[in-house]
Amino acid sequence: MAVFQIALPPRQREYETIYLMRPDVTKESAGKIANRIDDVVKREGGKLTLVETWGRRQLSYTVRRCKRAVYVYFKYIGGSGLVAELERNLRMLDDIIKFQTVMINPEIDLTEYKVDPNAVQFEELDLPEDVEDDKALERALGFIEPQKHARNADAYTDDDIENISDDDIPDLNNAKDGES
């Protein structure tokens, strides 16, 4: 008795990936990253559907000592092996500080999917130089003392601190309700 197996084409899914590059990334380095992503997607049998460069933006928290990053967003169609290979390549690049991939559509039909050729071109990175406040840079380097808040400024002088006795400090452990 012969058993026939039918080879089904691999399941195609739609994914989106956002990756963050260092804010001081060069045009050449950004171009190499874009070419590498394009090569990986084609080599793994995927298809790019949309590429957007969002530019340099402020991060909500510091990532690898960077407060700003260059954001790049792209959508593509492929299998789970493509995602694994793409993320492996992104992990190896020094200019990539963070990335995230999300599956958008678990089942997609490639025959019905139309792609605009202009939408899948990686834009050449043309970022203006980051203009920083000179005072902020000097403050970060410790050349200027940080400003004091108005309510705390000159609240106590050094003489006041030396003249404080134990009677002036309330004992919170033995305080009764309403006393401080």
C-alpha atoms as a PDB file:
ATOM      1  CA  MET A   1       0.000   0.000   0.000  1.00  0.00           C
ATOM      2  CA  ALA A   2       1.541   3.281  -1.134  1.00  0.00           C
ATOM      3  CA  VAL A   3       1.140   6.470   0.824  1.00  0.00           C
ATOM      4  CA  PHE A   4       1.255   9.695  -1.114  1.00  0.00           C
ATOM      5  CA  GLN A   5       2.229  12.911   0.535  1.00  0.00           C
ATOM      6  CA  ILE A   6       1.249  16.160  -1.024  1.00  0.00           C
ATOM      7  CA  ALA A   7       3.768  18.931  -0.540  1.00  0.00           C
ATOM      8  CA  LEU A   8       1.881  22.039   0.476  1.00  0.00           C
ATOM      9  CA  PRO A   9       3.512  25.392  -0.051  1.00  0.00           C
ATOM     10  CA  PRO A  10       4.766  26.921   3.198  1.00  0.00           C
ATOM     11  CA  ARG A  11       2.281  29.116   5.009  1.00  0.00           C
ATOM     12  CA  GLN A  12       2.774  32.781   4.210  1.00  0.00           C
ATOM     13  CA  ARG A  13       2.152  35.402   6.881  1.00  0.00           C
ATOM     14  CA  GLU A  14       2.404  39.174   6.986  1.00  0.00           C
ATOM     15  CA  TYR A  15       4.831  40.699   9.487  1.00  0.00           C
ATOM     16  CA  GLU A  16       5.993  44.170  10.428  1.00  0.00           C
ATOM     17  CA  THR A  17       9.341  45.030  11.976  1.00  0.00           C
ATOM     18  CA  ILE A  18      10.549  48.265  13.496  1.00  0.00           C
ATOM     19  CA  TYR A  19      14.241  48.654  14.152  1.00  0.00           C
ATOM     20  CA  LEU A  20      16.127  51.478  15.825  1.00  0.00           C
ATOM     21  CA  MET A  21      19.560  52.590  14.672  1.00  0.00           C
ATOM     22  CA  ARG A  22      22.051  54.668  16.617  1.00  0.00           C
ATOM     23  CA  PRO A  23      21.434  58.398  16.192  1.00  0.00           C
ATOM     24  CA  ASP A  24      24.936  58.941  14.779  1.00  0.00           C
ATOM     25  CA  VAL A  25      24.610  56.255  12.092  1.00  0.00           C
ATOM     26  CA  THR A  26      26.236  57.138   8.762  1.00  0.00           C
ATOM     27  CA  LYS A  27      24.525  57.016   5.372  1.00  0.00           C
ATOM     28  CA  GLU A  28      26.801  54.182   4.268  1.00  0.00           C
ATOM     29  CA  SER A  29      26.044  52.094   7.337  1.00  0.00           C
ATOM     30  CA  ALA A  30      22.285  52.665   7.018  1.00  0.00           C
ATOM     31  CA  GLY A  31      22.509  51.666   3.345  1.00  0.00           C
ATOM     32  CA  LYS A  32      24.360  48.442   4.240  1.00  0.00           C
ATOM     33  CA  ILE A  33      21.672  47.583   6.790  1.00  0.00           C
ATOM     34  CA  ALA A  34      18.917  48.215   4.232  1.00  0.00           C
ATOM     35  CA  ASN A  35      20.678  46.045   1.621  1.00  0.00           C
ATOM     36  CA  ARG A  36      21.195  43.264   4.143  1.00  0.00           C
ATOM     37  CA  ILE A  37      17.500  43.258   5.107  1.00  0.00           C
ATOM     38  CA  ASP A  38      16.471  43.235   1.454  1.00  0.00           C
ATOM     39  CA  ASP A  39      18.860  40.324   0.718  1.00  0.00           C
ATOM     40  CA  VAL A  40      17.623  38.262   3.681  1.00  0.00           C
ATOM     41  CA  VAL A  41      13.965  38.729   2.719  1.00  0.00           C
ATOM     42  CA  LYS A  42      14.628  37.711  -0.903  1.00  0.00           C
ATOM     43  CA  ARG A  43      16.907  34.793   0.038  1.00  0.00           C
ATOM     44  CA  GLU A  44      14.306  33.335   2.435  1.00  0.00           C
ATOM     45  CA  GLY A  45      11.525  33.551  -0.167  1.00  0.00           C
ATOM     46  CA  GLY A  46       9.763  36.565   1.317  1.00  0.00           C
ATOM     47  CA  LYS A  47       8.487  39.754  -0.204  1.00  0.00           C
ATOM     48  CA  LEU A  48       8.821  43.338   1.069  1.00  0.00           C
ATOM     49  CA  THR A  49       5.534  45.244   0.921  1.00  0.00           C
ATOM     50  CA  LEU A  50       6.266  48.584   2.613  1.00  0.00           C
ATOM     51  CA  VAL A  51       9.328  50.462   3.861  1.00  0.00           C
ATOM     52  CA  GLU A  52       9.221  53.750   5.805  1.00  0.00           C
ATOM     53  CA  THR A  53      12.015  55.733   7.418  1.00  0.00           C
ATOM     54  CA  TRP A  54      10.574  57.699  10.311  1.00  0.00           C
ATOM     55  CA  GLY A  55      13.767  59.613  11.053  1.00  0.00           C
ATOM     56  CA  ARG A  56      15.499  60.505  14.295  1.00  0.00           C
ATOM     57  CA  ARG A  57      13.221  60.576  17.325  1.00  0.00           C
ATOM     58  CA  GLN A  58      13.450  60.857  21.082  1.00  0.00           C
ATOM     59  CA  LEU A  59      13.391  57.543  22.976  1.00  0.00           C
ATOM     60  CA  SER A  60      11.184  57.234  26.037  1.00  0.00           C
ATOM     61  CA  TYR A  61      14.104  55.730  27.955  1.00  0.00           C
ATOM     62  CA  THR A  62      17.823  55.310  27.358  1.00  0.00           C
ATOM     63  CA  VAL A  63      18.748  52.287  25.236  1.00  0.00           C
ATOM     64  CA  ARG A  64      22.451  51.368  25.014  1.00  0.00           C
ATOM     65  CA  ARG A  65      23.408  54.868  26.179  1.00  0.00           C
ATOM     66  CA  CYS A  66      21.330  56.518  23.438  1.00  0.00           C
ATOM     67  CA  LYS A  67      18.543  58.996  24.145  1.00  0.00           C
ATOM     68  CA  ARG A  68      17.572  59.291  20.472  1.00  0.00           C
ATOM     69  CA  ALA A  69      17.405  56.792  17.618  1.00  0.00           C
ATOM     70  CA  VAL A  70      16.643  56.546  13.899  1.00  0.00           C
ATOM     71  CA  TYR A  71      13.407  54.600  13.382  1.00  0.00           C
ATOM     72  CA  VAL A  72      12.813  52.387  10.320  1.00  0.00           C
ATOM     73  CA  TYR A  73       9.541  50.491   9.758  1.00  0.00           C
ATOM     74  CA  PHE A  74       8.940  47.794   7.167  1.00  0.00           C
ATOM     75  CA  LYS A  75       6.276  45.192   6.342  1.00  0.00           C
ATOM     76  CA  TYR A  76       6.908  41.929   4.562  1.00  0.00           C
ATOM     77  CA  ILE A  77       5.365  38.564   3.709  1.00  0.00           C
ATOM     78  CA  GLY A  78       7.085  35.285   4.465  1.00  0.00           C
ATOM     79  CA  GLY A  79       7.326  32.267   6.714  1.00  0.00           C
ATOM     80  CA  SER A  80       8.492  31.929  10.296  1.00  0.00           C
ATOM     81  CA  GLY A  81      11.984  30.971   9.101  1.00  0.00           C
ATOM     82  CA  LEU A  82      12.286  34.381   7.478  1.00  0.00           C
ATOM     83  CA  VAL A  83      11.548  36.135  10.770  1.00  0.00           C
ATOM     84  CA  ALA A  84      14.128  34.062  12.636  1.00  0.00           C
ATOM     85  CA  GLU A  85      16.819  34.756  10.018  1.00  0.00           C
ATOM     86  CA  LEU A  86      15.958  38.456   9.826  1.00  0.00           C
ATOM     87  CA  GLU A  87      16.140  38.892  13.604  1.00  0.00           C
ATOM     88  CA  ARG A  88      19.410  36.955  13.720  1.00  0.00           C
ATOM     89  CA  ASN A  89      20.895  39.378  11.194  1.00  0.00           C
ATOM     90  CA  LEU A  90      19.563  42.428  13.044  1.00  0.00           C
ATOM     91  CA  ARG A  91      21.115  41.152  16.286  1.00  0.00           C
ATOM     92  CA  MET A  92      24.555  40.971  14.657  1.00  0.00           C
ATOM     93  CA  LEU A  93      24.582  44.588  13.442  1.00  0.00           C
ATOM     94  CA  ASP A  94      26.267  47.067  15.780  1.00  0.00           C
ATOM     95  CA  ASP A  95      24.293  50.095  14.572  1.00  0.00           C
ATOM     96  CA  ILE A  96      20.953  48.442  15.453  1.00  0.00           C
ATOM     97  CA  ILE A  97      20.135  49.132  19.103  1.00  0.00           C
ATOM     98  CA  LYS A  98      16.642  47.615  19.261  1.00  0.00           C
ATOM     99  CA  PHE A  99      14.059  45.883  17.062  1.00  0.00           C
ATOM    100  CA  GLN A 100      10.641  44.284  17.313  1.00  0.00           C
ATOM    101  CA  THR A 101       8.676  42.053  14.943  1.00  0.00           C
ATOM    102  CA  VAL A 102       4.900  41.549  15.060  1.00  0.00           C
ATOM    103  CA  MET A 103       2.727  39.221  12.961  1.00  0.00           C
ATOM    104  CA  ILE A 104      -0.091  41.230  11.351  1.00  0.00           C
ATOM    105  CA  ASN A 105      -1.937  38.632   9.293  1.00  0.00           C
ATOM    106  CA  PRO A 106      -1.600  34.864   9.936  1.00  0.00           C
ATOM    107  CA  GLU A 107      -2.866  33.771   6.519  1.00  0.00           C
ATOM    108  CA  ILE A 108      -2.160  35.680   3.317  1.00  0.00           C
ATOM    109  CA  ASP A 109      -2.662  34.852  -0.350  1.00  0.00           C
ATOM    110  CA  LEU A 110       0.283  36.077  -2.428  1.00  0.00           C
ATOM    111  CA  THR A 111      -1.636  35.920  -5.710  1.00  0.00           C
ATOM    112  CA  GLU A 112      -4.073  38.613  -4.577  1.00  0.00           C
ATOM    113  CA  TYR A 113      -1.492  40.837  -2.885  1.00  0.00           C
ATOM    114  CA  LYS A 114      -0.370  43.902  -4.883  1.00  0.00           C
ATOM    115  CA  VAL A 115       2.786  45.791  -3.971  1.00  0.00           C
ATOM    116  CA  ASP A 116       3.699  49.308  -5.075  1.00  0.00           C
ATOM    117  CA  PRO A 117       7.363  49.214  -6.257  1.00  0.00           C
ATOM    118  CA  ASN A 118       7.977  52.732  -4.890  1.00  0.00           C
ATOM    119  CA  ALA A 119       6.784  51.726  -1.418  1.00  0.00           C
ATOM    120  CA  VAL A 120       9.473  49.077  -0.975  1.00  0.00           C
ATOM    121  CA  GLN A 121      12.530  51.235  -1.660  1.00  0.00           C
ATOM    122  CA  PHE A 122      14.674  51.972   1.368  1.00  0.00           C
ATOM    123  CA  GLU A 123      15.054  55.740   1.549  1.00  0.00           C
ATOM    124  CA  GLU A 124      18.530  57.160   1.682  1.00  0.00           C
ATOM    125  CA  LEU A 125      19.159  58.392   5.178  1.00  0.00           C
ATOM    126  CA  ASP A 126      19.521  62.165   5.194  1.00  0.00           C
ATOM    127  CA  LEU A 127      19.418  63.362   8.784  1.00  0.00           C
ATOM    128  CA  PRO A 128      20.208  66.890   9.896  1.00  0.00           C
ATOM    129  CA  GLU A 129      22.859  67.251  12.540  1.00  0.00           C
ATOM    130  CA  ASP A 130      21.375  67.011  15.997  1.00  0.00           C
ATOM    131  CA  VAL A 131      21.263  70.511  17.442  1.00  0.00           C
ATOM    132  CA  GLU A 132      21.682  70.278  21.194  1.00  0.00           C
ATOM    133  CA  ASP A 133      21.339  72.968  23.764  1.00  0.00           C
ATOM    134  CA  ASP A 134      24.902  73.978  24.760  1.00  0.00           C
ATOM    135  CA  LYS A 135      23.823  74.475  28.367  1.00  0.00           C
ATOM    136  CA  ALA A 136      22.295  70.970  28.488  1.00  0.00           C
ATOM    137  CA  LEU A 137      25.541  69.451  27.224  1.00  0.00           C
ATOM    138  CA  GLU A 138      27.625  71.424  29.723  1.00  0.00           C
ATOM    139  CA  ARG A 139      25.219  70.425  32.509  1.00  0.00           C
ATOM    140  CA  ALA A 140      25.456  66.746  31.503  1.00  0.00           C
ATOM    141  CA  LEU A 141      29.253  66.925  31.544  1.00  0.00           C
ATOM    142  CA  GLY A 142      29.205  68.539  35.005  1.00  0.00           C
ATOM    143  CA  PHE A 143      30.575  71.939  34.009  1.00  0.00           C
ATOM    144  CA  ILE A 144      27.433  73.721  35.242  1.00  0.00           C
ATOM    145  CA  GLU A 145      25.600  72.863  38.451  1.00  0.00           C
ATOM    146  CA  PRO A 146      21.964  71.867  37.985  1.00  0.00           C
ATOM    147  CA  GLN A 147      19.412  74.522  38.779  1.00  0.00           C
ATOM    148  CA  LYS A 148      17.767  74.361  42.186  1.00  0.00           C
ATOM    149  CA  HIS A 149      14.010  74.324  42.456  1.00  0.00           C
ATOM    150  CA  ALA A 150      12.508  77.547  43.783  1.00  0.00           C
ATOM    151  CA  ARG A 151      10.984  75.899  46.855  1.00  0.00           C
ATOM    152  CA  ASN A 152      14.280  74.258  47.878  1.00  0.00           C
ATOM    153  CA  ALA A 153      16.629  77.072  46.927  1.00  0.00           C
ATOM    154  CA  ASP A 154      18.216  78.674  49.960  1.00  0.00           C
ATOM    155  CA  ALA A 155      15.844  76.813  52.291  1.00  0.00           C
ATOM    156  CA  TYR A 156      18.700  76.035  54.656  1.00  0.00           C
ATOM    157  CA  THR A 157      22.182  77.443  54.760  1.00  0.00           C
ATOM    158  CA  ASP A 158      25.222  75.564  56.027  1.00  0.00           C
ATOM    159  CA  ASP A 159      24.979  77.441  59.361  1.00  0.00           C
ATOM    160  CA  ASP A 160      21.352  76.345  59.790  1.00  0.00           C
ATOM    161  CA  ILE A 161      22.278  72.694  59.255  1.00  0.00           C
ATOM    162  CA  GLU A 162      25.109  72.866  61.812  1.00  0.00           C
ATOM    163  CA  ASN A 163      22.811  74.431  64.438  1.00  0.00           C
ATOM    164  CA  ILE A 164      19.999  71.845  64.199  1.00  0.00           C
ATOM    165  CA  SER A 165      19.562  69.904  67.422  1.00  0.00           C
ATOM    166  CA  ASP A 166      17.816  66.617  68.075  1.00  0.00           C
ATOM    167  CA  ASP A 167      14.871  68.538  69.575  1.00  0.00           C
ATOM    168  CA  ASP A 168      14.239  70.215  66.206  1.00  0.00           C
ATOM    169  CA  ILE A 169      13.794  66.870  64.413  1.00  0.00           C
ATOM    170  CA  PRO A 170      10.399  65.209  65.061  1.00  0.00           C
ATOM    171  CA  ASP A 171      10.425  61.589  66.249  1.00  0.00           C
ATOM    172  CA  LEU A 172       8.102  59.896  63.758  1.00  0.00           C
ATOM    173  CA  ASN A 173       8.231  56.526  65.499  1.00  0.00           C
ATOM    174  CA  ASN A 174       6.656  57.842  68.738  1.00  0.00           C
ATOM    175  CA  ALA A 175       4.304  60.378  67.138  1.00  0.00           C
ATOM    176  CA  LYS A 176       0.590  60.000  67.888  1.00  0.00           C
ATOM    177  CA  ASP A 177      -2.129  60.493  65.290  1.00  0.00           C
ATOM    178  CA  GLY A 178      -2.289  64.122  64.324  1.00  0.00           C
ATOM    179  CA  GLU A 179       1.150  64.931  65.729  1.00  0.00           C
ATOM    180  CA  SER A 180       4.292  65.193  63.714  1.00  0.00           C
END
